[in-house]
Amino acid sequence: MSLPLQRDFSTLGQLSVVSEPAGGHASPSDVMYPGGPAADGGLLAPGDPIPENAGPGGRRPAWLKVRVGAGETYASVNRLMRAEALHTVCEEARCPNQGECWALGTATFMVLGSVCTRNCGFCAIDTGRPPVTDLDEPRRVGEAAKLMRLKHAVVTMVARDDLPDGGAGIVAETIRQVRLASPGTSVEVLISDLNGREVDIRTVVEAQPEILNHNVETVPRLQRPVRRRARWDRSVSVLTQGRAIARDIGFDEMVTKTGLMVGLGETWDELVEAMRLLHRADIDVLTIGQYLRPSRQHLPLQRYYTPAEFMSLRRIGLELGFRHVQSGPLVRSSYHAAEQVPGPAAAAV
């Protein structure tokens, strides 16, 4: 039986698909971090002129070229997801790193189906009335984590405002099933805001994920047009409540994490202030990536940030005191997530 074709990311408008990486780089990682993730790579200071190819009207930036997925490992991941009838945010959200990550044997599981009850202005995931909840899904995620021999599993979810607990119970059960099937696997969960309900946040945290992730997505001023039914204060409270619950149950080592997109019309000062607010909320890990417009029906892209600007944001974040900052044009919440696990770095093997 033939495998489903790889999604053509060139339909997104802001990406170029290349069968062989331009300039000889091995993966998008090398484009995101010129000179390596620890190097400053020609940092731009705020106010410095932006290259002409950094705007929506300019040429497609070279750093937004992605690789088409290929190879036996990529094909194995694809077959496994189909065989277990699992969804991945890689596919549903049209992640530009799917080719790289699947070729490395990693993927981000998405539970509670593939239909979201919210309609955020930036997101490619389908919106509507979700189907009946699949109660066997957590077990299949655990089995897939075992078969993929993951040391670190990332599990995200669609928003399920139709469920009394917002889907918290399924997320918690998925954590337990991953641990049951693959005891050595650490787990990160990227959850919805669960409408800020402490009881549902507690359900997730008591399952003891190594990383509790919830994205604020953009600066406070742009929350309404970008996220519509979400709020900055409620999103931050998901992580502060999660931290308090973890400490209450003696699970102090849990890491909290959030993410920002850039290019939606925020100013540099707004972005830095948002980072300060997130650090004051005692959040450990921050991811920063470029917004890429999924279709003409989604929010317009205001501008591209350069790799140098992303490096500058990473440096600012580390200076503010975040434990880890992942910042680059193609960075998404789960990109290189194993690097953020407490203790020895985890990775797929």
Protein backbone atom coordinates (compact mmCIF):
# COMPACT_ATOMS: atom_id res chain seq x y z
CA MET A 1 0.00 0.00 0.00
CA SER A 2 1.43 3.39 -0.95
CA LEU A 3 2.12 5.94 1.75
CA PRO A 4 0.26 9.27 1.92
CA LEU A 5 2.13 12.05 0.16
CA GLN A 6 4.09 14.51 2.26
CA ARG A 7 2.17 17.75 2.74
CA ASP A 8 3.49 20.41 0.35
CA PHE A 9 4.49 23.26 2.60
CA SER A 10 4.91 25.61 -0.38
CA THR A 11 1.13 26.13 -0.31
CA LEU A 12 1.58 28.14 2.88
CA GLY A 13 2.99 31.06 0.93
CA GLN A 14 5.79 32.00 3.29
CA LEU A 15 7.84 28.82 2.83
CA SER A 16 9.95 27.40 0.07
CA VAL A 17 10.29 23.62 -0.11
CA VAL A 18 13.68 22.31 -1.10
CA SER A 19 14.58 18.70 -1.80
CA GLU A 20 18.19 19.42 -0.90
CA PRO A 21 19.07 22.04 1.71
CA ALA A 22 20.43 25.29 0.29
CA GLY A 23 24.00 26.12 1.13
CA GLY A 24 24.77 22.61 2.31
CA HIS A 25 23.17 22.92 5.75
CA ALA A 26 22.06 19.62 7.27
CA SER A 27 18.69 20.80 8.58
CA PRO A 28 16.66 23.94 9.38
CA SER A 29 18.59 24.07 12.65
CA ASP A 30 21.68 25.32 10.83
CA VAL A 31 19.70 28.12 9.20
CA MET A 32 18.07 29.15 12.46
CA TYR A 33 21.35 29.31 14.32
CA PRO A 34 24.11 30.57 12.01
CA GLY A 35 27.38 29.56 13.59
CA GLY A 36 25.58 27.31 16.06
CA PRO A 37 22.99 27.95 18.79
CA ALA A 38 25.59 29.41 21.16
CA ALA A 39 26.95 31.96 18.69
CA ASP A 40 25.67 35.49 18.20
CA GLY A 41 25.67 35.28 14.39
CA GLY A 42 25.72 39.01 13.60
CA LEU A 43 23.15 40.31 16.05
CA LEU A 44 20.95 43.23 15.12
CA ALA A 45 20.24 45.83 17.75
CA PRO A 46 16.73 47.36 17.99
CA GLY A 47 16.47 50.10 15.39
CA ASP A 48 19.06 48.63 12.99
CA PRO A 49 17.91 48.51 9.35
CA ILE A 50 16.17 45.29 8.35
CA PRO A 51 17.28 43.53 5.14
CA GLU A 52 14.82 43.93 2.26
CA ASN A 53 14.02 40.21 2.20
CA ALA A 54 12.75 40.41 5.78
CA GLY A 55 9.39 41.92 4.77
CA PRO A 56 6.24 40.33 3.26
CA GLY A 57 6.82 42.24 0.02
CA GLY A 58 10.42 41.10 -0.37
CA ARG A 59 11.96 37.86 -1.54
CA ARG A 60 11.33 34.70 0.44
CA PRO A 61 14.04 34.63 3.08
CA ALA A 62 16.58 31.85 2.67
CA TRP A 63 16.11 30.88 6.32
CA LEU A 64 12.50 29.87 5.63
CA LYS A 65 13.38 26.96 3.39
CA VAL A 66 12.38 23.55 4.71
CA ARG A 67 13.22 20.01 3.70
CA VAL A 68 10.72 17.59 2.26
CA GLY A 69 10.45 14.54 4.51
CA ALA A 70 12.26 11.51 3.16
CA GLY A 71 14.08 8.37 4.22
CA GLU A 72 13.16 5.16 5.96
CA THR A 73 12.85 6.71 9.43
CA TYR A 74 10.42 9.31 8.10
CA ALA A 75 8.43 6.58 6.36
CA SER A 76 8.37 4.47 9.54
CA VAL A 77 6.96 7.34 11.59
CA ASN A 78 4.35 7.96 8.90
CA ARG A 79 3.31 4.28 8.85
CA LEU A 80 3.10 4.14 12.64
CA MET A 81 0.84 7.19 12.87
CA ARG A 82 -1.48 5.73 10.26
CA ALA A 83 -1.46 2.24 11.82
CA GLU A 84 -2.31 3.58 15.29
CA ALA A 85 -4.85 6.10 13.87
CA LEU A 86 -3.08 8.93 15.67
CA HIS A 87 -3.04 12.64 14.96
CA THR A 88 0.06 14.80 15.09
CA VAL A 89 0.29 18.56 15.42
CA CYS A 90 3.08 18.25 12.86
CA GLU A 91 0.47 17.52 10.19
CA GLU A 92 -2.65 19.23 11.49
CA ALA A 93 -0.94 22.56 12.22
CA ARG A 94 1.28 22.30 9.11
CA CYS A 95 4.51 22.53 11.09
CA PRO A 96 7.45 23.47 8.86
CA ASN A 97 9.76 21.15 10.79
CA GLN A 98 7.83 17.96 10.04
CA GLY A 99 10.37 16.74 7.49
CA GLU A 100 13.31 17.25 9.85
CA CYS A 101 11.66 15.86 12.97
CA TRP A 102 10.04 12.80 11.40
CA ALA A 103 13.32 11.96 9.67
CA LEU A 104 14.89 11.95 13.14
CA GLY A 105 12.17 9.63 14.46
CA THR A 106 10.30 12.21 16.53
CA ALA A 107 6.76 13.57 16.33
CA THR A 108 4.34 15.57 18.48
CA PHE A 109 1.18 13.63 19.30
CA MET A 110 -2.13 15.51 19.29
CA VAL A 111 -4.89 14.00 21.43
CA LEU A 112 -8.65 14.55 21.64
CA GLY A 113 -9.04 14.39 17.89
CA SER A 114 -8.13 16.85 15.17
CA VAL A 115 -11.05 19.30 15.42
CA CYS A 116 -10.75 22.29 17.75
CA THR A 117 -13.65 24.13 19.38
CA ARG A 118 -11.84 27.45 19.01
CA ASN A 119 -11.05 29.47 15.91
CA CYS A 120 -7.79 31.33 16.48
CA GLY A 121 -6.70 33.73 13.76
CA PHE A 122 -3.29 32.12 13.26
CA CYS A 123 -3.99 28.39 13.49
CA ALA A 124 -4.36 25.86 10.66
CA ILE A 125 -6.12 23.19 12.76
CA ASP A 126 -9.73 22.52 11.75
CA THR A 127 -12.46 24.22 13.80
CA GLY A 128 -15.92 22.82 14.42
CA ARG A 129 -17.86 20.27 16.43
CA PRO A 130 -15.43 17.53 17.51
CA PRO A 131 -16.38 13.86 17.04
CA VAL A 132 -16.99 11.51 19.95
CA THR A 133 -13.94 11.37 22.22
CA ASP A 134 -11.75 8.35 21.54
CA LEU A 135 -11.10 6.84 24.98
CA ASP A 136 -8.53 4.39 23.59
CA GLU A 137 -6.37 7.15 22.16
CA PRO A 138 -4.10 7.46 25.25
CA ARG A 139 -3.19 3.78 25.08
CA ARG A 140 -2.27 4.05 21.39
CA VAL A 141 -0.09 7.09 22.07
CA GLY A 142 1.72 5.10 24.75
CA GLU A 143 2.21 2.20 22.35
CA ALA A 144 3.54 4.55 19.66
CA ALA A 145 6.00 6.12 22.13
CA LYS A 146 7.24 2.63 22.96
CA LEU A 147 7.60 1.57 19.32
CA MET A 148 9.42 4.81 18.48
CA ARG A 149 11.71 4.26 21.49
CA LEU A 150 11.23 7.86 22.58
CA LYS A 151 13.12 9.18 25.57
CA HIS A 152 10.95 12.30 25.48
CA ALA A 153 7.34 12.41 24.22
CA VAL A 154 5.47 15.64 23.46
CA VAL A 155 1.69 15.51 23.67
CA THR A 156 -0.48 18.43 22.62
CA MET A 157 -4.26 18.77 22.38
CA VAL A 158 -7.01 20.61 20.58
CA ALA A 159 -9.18 22.87 22.74
CA ARG A 160 -12.27 20.92 23.80
CA ASP A 161 -14.64 23.42 25.37
CA ASP A 162 -17.44 20.93 24.69
CA LEU A 163 -16.15 18.59 27.41
CA PRO A 164 -16.87 19.20 31.12
CA ASP A 165 -13.16 18.98 31.98
CA GLY A 166 -11.91 20.53 28.74
CA GLY A 167 -10.09 17.27 27.93
CA ALA A 168 -7.86 17.30 31.02
CA GLY A 169 -8.72 13.70 31.88
CA ILE A 170 -7.60 12.38 28.49
CA VAL A 171 -4.34 14.33 28.70
CA ALA A 172 -3.63 12.93 32.17
CA GLU A 173 -4.46 9.40 31.02
CA THR A 174 -2.13 9.82 28.04
CA ILE A 175 0.72 10.71 30.41
CA ARG A 176 -0.02 7.58 32.45
CA GLN A 177 -0.22 5.35 29.37
CA VAL A 178 3.11 6.62 28.01
CA ARG A 179 4.71 5.86 31.35
CA LEU A 180 3.08 2.42 31.46
CA ALA A 181 4.20 1.45 27.96
CA SER A 182 7.60 3.16 28.06
CA PRO A 183 8.73 3.76 31.67
CA GLY A 184 11.92 5.56 30.68
CA THR A 185 10.13 8.19 28.57
CA SER A 186 9.73 11.71 29.92
CA VAL A 187 6.54 13.54 28.94
CA GLU A 188 5.77 17.11 27.95
CA VAL A 189 2.17 18.26 27.57
CA LEU A 190 1.11 21.34 25.63
CA ILE A 191 -2.39 22.04 26.92
CA SER A 192 -5.20 24.47 26.18
CA ASP A 193 -6.05 27.06 28.83
CA LEU A 194 -8.78 24.70 30.18
CA ASN A 195 -10.71 27.93 30.77
CA GLY A 196 -8.42 28.55 33.72
CA ARG A 197 -10.15 25.96 35.92
CA GLU A 198 -7.90 24.96 38.81
CA VAL A 199 -9.50 21.53 39.16
CA ASP A 200 -8.71 20.62 35.53
CA ILE A 201 -5.19 22.01 35.67
CA ARG A 202 -4.72 19.88 38.80
CA THR A 203 -5.89 16.78 36.91
CA VAL A 204 -3.07 17.24 34.41
CA VAL A 205 -0.36 18.21 36.91
CA GLU A 206 -1.12 15.31 39.26
CA ALA A 207 -0.19 12.96 36.40
CA GLN A 208 3.26 14.56 36.76
CA PRO A 209 4.43 15.58 33.28
CA GLU A 210 8.08 16.61 33.28
CA ILE A 211 7.12 19.75 31.32
CA LEU A 212 3.82 21.66 31.51
CA ASN A 213 3.49 23.87 28.42
CA HIS A 214 0.84 26.40 27.48
CA ASN A 215 1.47 29.07 24.85
CA VAL A 216 0.54 32.74 25.24
CA GLU A 217 1.26 33.00 21.48
CA THR A 218 1.58 36.81 21.24
CA VAL A 219 1.98 40.01 23.25
CA PRO A 220 -0.87 41.21 25.52
CA ARG A 221 -2.13 43.90 23.08
CA LEU A 222 -2.72 41.39 20.28
CA GLN A 223 -4.44 38.64 22.29
CA ARG A 224 -7.97 39.39 21.07
CA PRO A 225 -7.36 39.37 17.30
CA VAL A 226 -4.88 36.49 17.46
CA ARG A 227 -6.51 34.17 20.01
CA ARG A 228 -10.09 35.48 20.26
CA ARG A 229 -11.44 33.33 23.09
CA ALA A 230 -8.23 33.33 25.14
CA ARG A 231 -6.72 35.93 27.47
CA TRP A 232 -3.16 36.75 28.48
CA ASP A 233 -3.86 36.71 32.22
CA ARG A 234 -5.73 33.41 32.06
CA SER A 235 -2.98 31.78 30.00
CA VAL A 236 -0.27 32.89 32.40
CA SER A 237 -2.41 31.64 35.30
CA VAL A 238 -2.46 28.14 33.77
CA LEU A 239 1.28 27.96 34.34
CA THR A 240 1.37 29.74 37.69
CA GLN A 241 -1.43 27.52 39.02
CA GLY A 242 0.32 24.48 37.58
CA ARG A 243 3.52 25.45 39.36
CA ALA A 244 1.68 25.91 42.67
CA ILE A 245 -0.09 22.55 42.33
CA ALA A 246 3.17 20.77 41.50
CA ARG A 247 4.79 22.19 44.61
CA ASP A 248 1.74 21.27 46.67
CA ILE A 249 2.09 17.59 45.67
CA GLY A 250 5.87 17.57 46.08
CA PHE A 251 6.63 17.60 42.35
CA ASP A 252 8.98 20.59 42.44
CA GLU A 253 11.02 19.47 39.42
CA MET A 254 8.21 20.10 36.91
CA VAL A 255 9.26 22.61 34.24
CA THR A 256 6.86 25.30 33.01
CA LYS A 257 7.06 26.49 29.43
CA THR A 258 5.38 28.92 27.03
CA GLY A 259 5.81 30.22 23.49
CA LEU A 260 5.50 33.39 21.41
CA MET A 261 5.05 33.97 17.68
CA VAL A 262 6.50 37.07 16.05
CA GLY A 263 5.53 38.91 12.89
CA LEU A 264 1.90 39.64 13.79
CA GLY A 265 2.37 43.38 14.27
CA GLU A 266 3.94 43.53 17.72
CA THR A 267 6.70 46.06 18.41
CA TRP A 268 10.14 45.10 19.66
CA ASP A 269 9.46 46.85 22.98
CA GLU A 270 6.15 44.98 23.38
CA LEU A 271 7.93 41.71 22.73
CA VAL A 272 10.66 42.35 25.30
CA GLU A 273 8.08 43.49 27.86
CA ALA A 274 6.06 40.31 27.26
CA MET A 275 9.22 38.31 27.93
CA ARG A 276 9.74 40.23 31.18
CA LEU A 277 6.17 39.50 32.28
CA LEU A 278 6.57 35.81 31.53
CA HIS A 279 9.80 35.61 33.50
CA ARG A 280 8.17 37.38 36.45
CA ALA A 281 5.52 34.65 36.35
CA ASP A 282 8.32 32.15 37.12
CA ILE A 283 8.12 30.39 33.75
CA ASP A 284 11.23 28.31 33.02
CA VAL A 285 11.35 27.84 29.25
CA LEU A 286 10.44 30.18 26.40
CA THR A 287 10.15 29.40 22.69
CA ILE A 288 10.01 32.13 20.03
CA GLY A 289 9.25 31.47 16.36
CA GLN A 290 8.12 33.18 13.19
CA TYR A 291 4.39 33.37 12.43
CA LEU A 292 3.65 31.89 8.98
CA ARG A 293 0.24 32.53 7.49
CA PRO A 294 -1.50 29.20 6.79
CA SER A 295 -3.96 30.65 4.24
CA ARG A 296 -5.57 33.87 3.05
CA GLN A 297 -8.31 33.31 5.63
CA HIS A 298 -5.80 33.66 8.48
CA LEU A 299 -4.21 36.74 9.99
CA PRO A 300 -1.82 38.51 7.62
CA LEU A 301 1.91 38.35 8.17
CA GLN A 302 3.26 41.79 9.05
CA ARG A 303 6.95 41.05 8.68
CA TYR A 304 9.69 38.47 8.90
CA TYR A 305 12.25 38.56 11.69
CA THR A 306 15.83 37.75 10.70
CA PRO A 307 17.91 34.98 12.28
CA ALA A 308 20.03 37.69 13.89
CA GLU A 309 16.96 39.17 15.57
CA PHE A 310 15.97 35.75 16.86
CA MET A 311 19.45 35.36 18.27
CA SER A 312 19.08 38.74 19.95
CA LEU A 313 15.76 37.68 21.49
CA ARG A 314 17.38 34.50 22.74
CA ARG A 315 20.16 36.49 24.37
CA ILE A 316 17.65 38.88 25.99
CA GLY A 317 15.64 35.94 27.31
CA LEU A 318 18.67 34.33 28.88
CA GLU A 319 19.72 37.66 30.39
CA LEU A 320 16.23 38.00 31.90
CA GLY A 321 16.78 34.66 33.62
CA PHE A 322 14.86 32.01 31.66
CA ARG A 323 16.40 28.57 32.12
CA HIS A 324 16.17 27.85 28.41
CA VAL A 325 15.23 29.93 25.36
CA GLN A 326 14.65 28.35 21.94
CA SER A 327 14.42 31.18 19.40
CA GLY A 328 14.55 30.92 15.61
CA PRO A 329 12.46 31.43 12.46
CA LEU A 330 11.20 27.84 12.35
CA VAL A 331 11.06 27.21 16.09
CA ARG A 332 7.77 25.75 17.31
CA SER A 333 6.74 24.64 20.81
CA SER A 334 8.03 21.10 20.48
CA TYR A 335 11.16 21.89 18.47
CA HIS A 336 14.17 20.27 20.22
CA ALA A 337 11.91 19.80 23.24
CA ALA A 338 14.11 17.08 24.71
CA GLU A 339 16.76 19.72 25.45
CA GLN A 340 14.43 21.29 28.01
CA VAL A 341 13.82 18.24 30.20
CA PRO A 342 15.28 18.59 33.71
CA GLY A 343 18.36 16.49 34.32
CA PRO A 344 20.27 14.74 31.52
CA ALA A 345 19.14 15.79 28.06
CA ALA A 346 16.62 13.39 26.51
CA ALA A 347 16.43 12.55 22.84
CA ALA A 348 14.90 10.05 20.46
CA VAL A 349 17.05 7.00 19.82
